[in-house]
Amino acid sequence: MNEEKKYFKISEGTLKPILIILCVILLSFSMFQLGINIGSNRGRFACNWAKNYQNNFGGPQRGFGIMPEKPFIDGHGIFGEIIKIDNSDIIINDRNNIEKVIKITNNTSINNFESKAKITDLKVGDRIMVIGDPNNQGQIDAKLIRIFNKTDINPKP
């Protein structure tokens, strides 16, 4: 009976490596799950963007039946040129020639350099950077919009 107690007893020198290994396994699993969640969100946004293209941009009733060459469309941050302004919605053409609908709310911060701007300050042809969250309609709910002048983007030497 004395031997059984020694067999199940864990020494202090053994406990520390076991805890470290368990922490590493838990951290690895957490990072793996985070990657799955990020990929799933990107895929969902790309799918919703394609499903709602007709609603967002007024294309054919059945859609175009094509997807852009890029497998996933970025939903959290984009840069592009304003091609249409409709009330609190802005349509921009991004660097990949993909049109995206940007939803502006009262909580959206619009900046022109260091000064605050309003939605009425935005014009067709302006180049903007948008940071926000994708929604279920394949649009981006803007949190921050920064207006760039054409000279900011293509400075002359």
C-alpha atoms as a PDB file:
ATOM      1  CA  MET A   1       0.000   0.000   0.000  1.00  0.00           C
ATOM      2  CA  ASN A   2       2.886   2.329   0.702  1.00  0.00           C
ATOM      3  CA  GLU A   3       4.174   1.821  -2.839  1.00  0.00           C
ATOM      4  CA  GLU A   4       0.827   2.919  -4.358  1.00  0.00           C
ATOM      5  CA  LYS A   5       1.000   6.281  -2.586  1.00  0.00           C
ATOM      6  CA  LYS A   6       4.463   6.942  -3.981  1.00  0.00           C
ATOM      7  CA  TYR A   7       3.331   5.945  -7.458  1.00  0.00           C
ATOM      8  CA  PHE A   8       0.478   8.504  -7.589  1.00  0.00           C
ATOM      9  CA  LYS A   9       2.360  11.302  -5.876  1.00  0.00           C
ATOM     10  CA  ILE A  10       3.591  14.059  -8.219  1.00  0.00           C
ATOM     11  CA  SER A  11       6.759  15.810  -7.205  1.00  0.00           C
ATOM     12  CA  GLU A  12       7.203  19.577  -7.484  1.00  0.00           C
ATOM     13  CA  GLY A  13       9.803  19.132 -10.214  1.00  0.00           C
ATOM     14  CA  THR A  14       7.308  17.203 -12.360  1.00  0.00           C
ATOM     15  CA  LEU A  15       4.329  19.507 -11.825  1.00  0.00           C
ATOM     16  CA  LYS A  16       5.883  22.599 -13.411  1.00  0.00           C
ATOM     17  CA  PRO A  17       6.681  20.991 -16.819  1.00  0.00           C
ATOM     18  CA  ILE A  18       3.211  19.407 -16.919  1.00  0.00           C
ATOM     19  CA  LEU A  19       1.571  22.802 -16.326  1.00  0.00           C
ATOM     20  CA  ILE A  20       3.753  24.421 -18.994  1.00  0.00           C
ATOM     21  CA  ILE A  21       2.823  21.737 -21.522  1.00  0.00           C
ATOM     22  CA  LEU A  22      -0.886  22.131 -20.714  1.00  0.00           C
ATOM     23  CA  CYS A  23      -0.631  25.929 -21.121  1.00  0.00           C
ATOM     24  CA  VAL A  24       1.131  25.539 -24.484  1.00  0.00           C
ATOM     25  CA  ILE A  25      -1.568  23.120 -25.687  1.00  0.00           C
ATOM     26  CA  LEU A  26      -4.329  25.486 -24.513  1.00  0.00           C
ATOM     27  CA  LEU A  27      -2.653  28.483 -26.190  1.00  0.00           C
ATOM     28  CA  SER A  28      -2.181  26.518 -29.426  1.00  0.00           C
ATOM     29  CA  PHE A  29      -5.835  25.495 -29.439  1.00  0.00           C
ATOM     30  CA  SER A  30      -6.916  29.103 -28.797  1.00  0.00           C
ATOM     31  CA  MET A  31      -4.797  30.415 -31.694  1.00  0.00           C
ATOM     32  CA  PHE A  32      -6.180  27.696 -33.984  1.00  0.00           C
ATOM     33  CA  GLN A  33      -9.755  28.624 -33.016  1.00  0.00           C
ATOM     34  CA  LEU A  34      -9.022  32.327 -33.606  1.00  0.00           C
ATOM     35  CA  GLY A  35      -7.781  31.505 -37.112  1.00  0.00           C
ATOM     36  CA  ILE A  36     -10.920  29.500 -37.824  1.00  0.00           C
ATOM     37  CA  ASN A  37     -13.125  32.393 -36.637  1.00  0.00           C
ATOM     38  CA  ILE A  38     -11.277  34.977 -38.761  1.00  0.00           C
ATOM     39  CA  GLY A  39     -11.459  32.787 -41.863  1.00  0.00           C
ATOM     40  CA  SER A  40     -15.126  32.065 -41.258  1.00  0.00           C
ATOM     41  CA  ASN A  41     -15.940  35.788 -40.922  1.00  0.00           C
ATOM     42  CA  ARG A  42     -14.056  36.631 -44.131  1.00  0.00           C
ATOM     43  CA  GLY A  43     -15.838  33.848 -45.992  1.00  0.00           C
ATOM     44  CA  ARG A  44     -19.242  34.913 -44.672  1.00  0.00           C
ATOM     45  CA  PHE A  45     -18.645  38.525 -45.746  1.00  0.00           C
ATOM     46  CA  ALA A  46     -17.554  37.481 -49.256  1.00  0.00           C
ATOM     47  CA  CYS A  47     -20.597  35.231 -49.581  1.00  0.00           C
ATOM     48  CA  ASN A  48     -22.993  37.935 -48.328  1.00  0.00           C
ATOM     49  CA  TRP A  49     -21.392  40.483 -50.660  1.00  0.00           C
ATOM     50  CA  ALA A  50     -22.031  38.206 -53.644  1.00  0.00           C
ATOM     51  CA  LYS A  51     -25.582  37.318 -52.532  1.00  0.00           C
ATOM     52  CA  ASN A  52     -26.547  40.957 -52.022  1.00  0.00           C
ATOM     53  CA  TYR A  53     -24.765  42.457 -55.032  1.00  0.00           C
ATOM     54  CA  GLN A  54     -28.046  43.017 -56.859  1.00  0.00           C
ATOM     55  CA  ASN A  55     -29.621  44.740 -53.832  1.00  0.00           C
ATOM     56  CA  ASN A  56     -26.579  46.917 -53.185  1.00  0.00           C
ATOM     57  CA  PHE A  57     -25.756  47.925 -56.747  1.00  0.00           C
ATOM     58  CA  GLY A  58     -28.945  47.351 -58.763  1.00  0.00           C
ATOM     59  CA  GLY A  59     -27.544  44.665 -61.051  1.00  0.00           C
ATOM     60  CA  PRO A  60     -29.610  42.061 -62.881  1.00  0.00           C
ATOM     61  CA  GLN A  61     -32.343  40.292 -60.880  1.00  0.00           C
ATOM     62  CA  ARG A  62     -30.563  36.932 -60.891  1.00  0.00           C
ATOM     63  CA  GLY A  63     -27.139  38.440 -60.340  1.00  0.00           C
ATOM     64  CA  PHE A  64     -24.193  38.085 -62.650  1.00  0.00           C
ATOM     65  CA  GLY A  65     -23.260  34.513 -61.762  1.00  0.00           C
ATOM     66  CA  ILE A  66     -19.611  35.461 -61.339  1.00  0.00           C
ATOM     67  CA  MET A  67     -17.392  36.038 -58.387  1.00  0.00           C
ATOM     68  CA  PRO A  68     -14.386  38.328 -58.345  1.00  0.00           C
ATOM     69  CA  GLU A  69     -11.008  36.689 -58.960  1.00  0.00           C
ATOM     70  CA  LYS A  70      -9.923  37.439 -55.416  1.00  0.00           C
ATOM     71  CA  PRO A  71     -11.334  34.647 -53.209  1.00  0.00           C
ATOM     72  CA  PHE A  72     -12.169  36.807 -50.202  1.00  0.00           C
ATOM     73  CA  ILE A  73     -13.212  40.430 -50.131  1.00  0.00           C
ATOM     74  CA  ASP A  74     -11.814  42.529 -47.301  1.00  0.00           C
ATOM     75  CA  GLY A  75     -14.574  43.817 -45.076  1.00  0.00           C
ATOM     76  CA  HIS A  76     -12.849  45.720 -42.278  1.00  0.00           C
ATOM     77  CA  GLY A  77     -10.705  48.237 -44.089  1.00  0.00           C
ATOM     78  CA  ILE A  78     -10.616  49.474 -47.654  1.00  0.00           C
ATOM     79  CA  PHE A  79      -9.263  52.308 -49.740  1.00  0.00           C
ATOM     80  CA  GLY A  80     -10.905  53.620 -52.872  1.00  0.00           C
ATOM     81  CA  GLU A  81     -12.603  56.369 -54.832  1.00  0.00           C
ATOM     82  CA  ILE A  82     -16.174  57.514 -54.196  1.00  0.00           C
ATOM     83  CA  ILE A  83     -18.329  56.827 -57.260  1.00  0.00           C
ATOM     84  CA  LYS A  84     -21.769  57.554 -55.748  1.00  0.00           C
ATOM     85  CA  ILE A  85     -23.248  59.149 -52.633  1.00  0.00           C
ATOM     86  CA  ASP A  86     -26.816  58.258 -51.680  1.00  0.00           C
ATOM     87  CA  ASN A  87     -28.001  59.711 -48.333  1.00  0.00           C
ATOM     88  CA  SER A  88     -25.968  57.817 -45.715  1.00  0.00           C
ATOM     89  CA  ASP A  89     -24.590  55.254 -48.194  1.00  0.00           C
ATOM     90  CA  ILE A  90     -21.401  55.713 -50.162  1.00  0.00           C
ATOM     91  CA  ILE A  91     -20.344  53.458 -53.010  1.00  0.00           C
ATOM     92  CA  ILE A  92     -16.631  53.277 -53.614  1.00  0.00           C
ATOM     93  CA  ASN A  93     -14.502  51.521 -56.180  1.00  0.00           C
ATOM     94  CA  ASP A  94     -11.587  49.921 -54.328  1.00  0.00           C
ATOM     95  CA  ARG A  95      -8.053  49.122 -55.511  1.00  0.00           C
ATOM     96  CA  ASN A  96      -9.240  45.782 -56.931  1.00  0.00           C
ATOM     97  CA  ASN A  97     -11.981  47.467 -58.992  1.00  0.00           C
ATOM     98  CA  ILE A  98     -14.672  46.050 -56.696  1.00  0.00           C
ATOM     99  CA  GLU A  99     -17.563  48.319 -55.790  1.00  0.00           C
ATOM    100  CA  LYS A 100     -18.477  48.361 -52.113  1.00  0.00           C
ATOM    101  CA  VAL A 101     -21.298  49.998 -50.192  1.00  0.00           C
ATOM    102  CA  ILE A 102     -20.260  51.933 -47.103  1.00  0.00           C
ATOM    103  CA  LYS A 103     -22.964  52.646 -44.496  1.00  0.00           C
ATOM    104  CA  ILE A 104     -22.467  55.862 -42.519  1.00  0.00           C
ATOM    105  CA  THR A 105     -24.123  56.351 -39.124  1.00  0.00           C
ATOM    106  CA  ASN A 106     -24.067  59.098 -36.507  1.00  0.00           C
ATOM    107  CA  ASN A 107     -21.202  57.216 -34.833  1.00  0.00           C
ATOM    108  CA  THR A 108     -19.005  57.293 -37.963  1.00  0.00           C
ATOM    109  CA  SER A 109     -16.000  59.567 -37.566  1.00  0.00           C
ATOM    110  CA  ILE A 110     -15.117  61.414 -40.799  1.00  0.00           C
ATOM    111  CA  ASN A 111     -11.736  63.150 -40.904  1.00  0.00           C
ATOM    112  CA  ASN A 112     -10.008  65.364 -43.440  1.00  0.00           C
ATOM    113  CA  PHE A 113      -6.420  65.380 -42.184  1.00  0.00           C
ATOM    114  CA  GLU A 114      -6.635  66.440 -38.540  1.00  0.00           C
ATOM    115  CA  SER A 115      -9.980  68.238 -38.800  1.00  0.00           C
ATOM    116  CA  LYS A 116     -13.419  66.696 -38.479  1.00  0.00           C
ATOM    117  CA  ALA A 117     -15.627  66.532 -41.549  1.00  0.00           C
ATOM    118  CA  LYS A 118     -19.270  65.756 -42.284  1.00  0.00           C
ATOM    119  CA  ILE A 119     -20.915  63.492 -44.831  1.00  0.00           C
ATOM    120  CA  THR A 120     -21.769  66.634 -46.810  1.00  0.00           C
ATOM    121  CA  ASP A 121     -18.009  67.259 -47.227  1.00  0.00           C
ATOM    122  CA  LEU A 122     -17.635  64.025 -49.209  1.00  0.00           C
ATOM    123  CA  LYS A 123     -17.780  64.311 -53.015  1.00  0.00           C
ATOM    124  CA  VAL A 124     -17.778  61.896 -55.925  1.00  0.00           C
ATOM    125  CA  GLY A 125     -14.144  61.437 -56.937  1.00  0.00           C
ATOM    126  CA  ASP A 126     -12.752  61.788 -53.407  1.00  0.00           C
ATOM    127  CA  ARG A 127     -10.359  59.076 -52.347  1.00  0.00           C
ATOM    128  CA  ILE A 128     -11.137  57.701 -48.909  1.00  0.00           C
ATOM    129  CA  MET A 129      -9.946  55.088 -46.469  1.00  0.00           C
ATOM    130  CA  VAL A 130     -12.689  53.280 -44.537  1.00  0.00           C
ATOM    131  CA  ILE A 131     -12.386  51.197 -41.395  1.00  0.00           C
ATOM    132  CA  GLY A 132     -15.479  49.398 -40.161  1.00  0.00           C
ATOM    133  CA  ASP A 133     -17.328  46.135 -39.705  1.00  0.00           C
ATOM    134  CA  PRO A 134     -18.925  43.983 -42.399  1.00  0.00           C
ATOM    135  CA  ASN A 135     -22.672  43.454 -42.083  1.00  0.00           C
ATOM    136  CA  ASN A 136     -24.980  40.670 -43.283  1.00  0.00           C
ATOM    137  CA  GLN A 137     -25.952  42.590 -46.433  1.00  0.00           C
ATOM    138  CA  GLY A 138     -22.385  42.560 -47.787  1.00  0.00           C
ATOM    139  CA  GLN A 139     -21.869  46.208 -46.847  1.00  0.00           C
ATOM    140  CA  ILE A 140     -19.395  47.872 -44.502  1.00  0.00           C
ATOM    141  CA  ASP A 141     -20.649  49.756 -41.440  1.00  0.00           C
ATOM    142  CA  ALA A 142     -18.103  52.568 -41.280  1.00  0.00           C
ATOM    143  CA  LYS A 143     -16.492  53.510 -38.002  1.00  0.00           C
ATOM    144  CA  LEU A 144     -13.797  55.791 -39.471  1.00  0.00           C
ATOM    145  CA  ILE A 145     -13.492  57.514 -42.836  1.00  0.00           C
ATOM    146  CA  ARG A 146     -10.419  59.530 -43.792  1.00  0.00           C
ATOM    147  CA  ILE A 147     -10.514  61.779 -46.842  1.00  0.00           C
ATOM    148  CA  PHE A 148      -7.356  62.034 -48.958  1.00  0.00           C
ATOM    149  CA  ASN A 149      -6.526  64.725 -51.474  1.00  0.00           C
ATOM    150  CA  LYS A 150      -5.225  63.533 -54.817  1.00  0.00           C
ATOM    151  CA  THR A 151      -1.893  65.179 -53.955  1.00  0.00           C
ATOM    152  CA  ASP A 152      -1.682  63.016 -50.798  1.00  0.00           C
ATOM    153  CA  ILE A 153      -1.863  59.866 -52.890  1.00  0.00           C
ATOM    154  CA  ASN A 154       0.235  60.857 -55.905  1.00  0.00           C
ATOM    155  CA  PRO A 155       2.657  63.551 -54.745  1.00  0.00           C
ATOM    156  CA  LYS A 156       4.571  65.349 -57.486  1.00  0.00           C
ATOM    157  CA  PRO A 157       8.377  65.117 -57.298  1.00  0.00           C
END
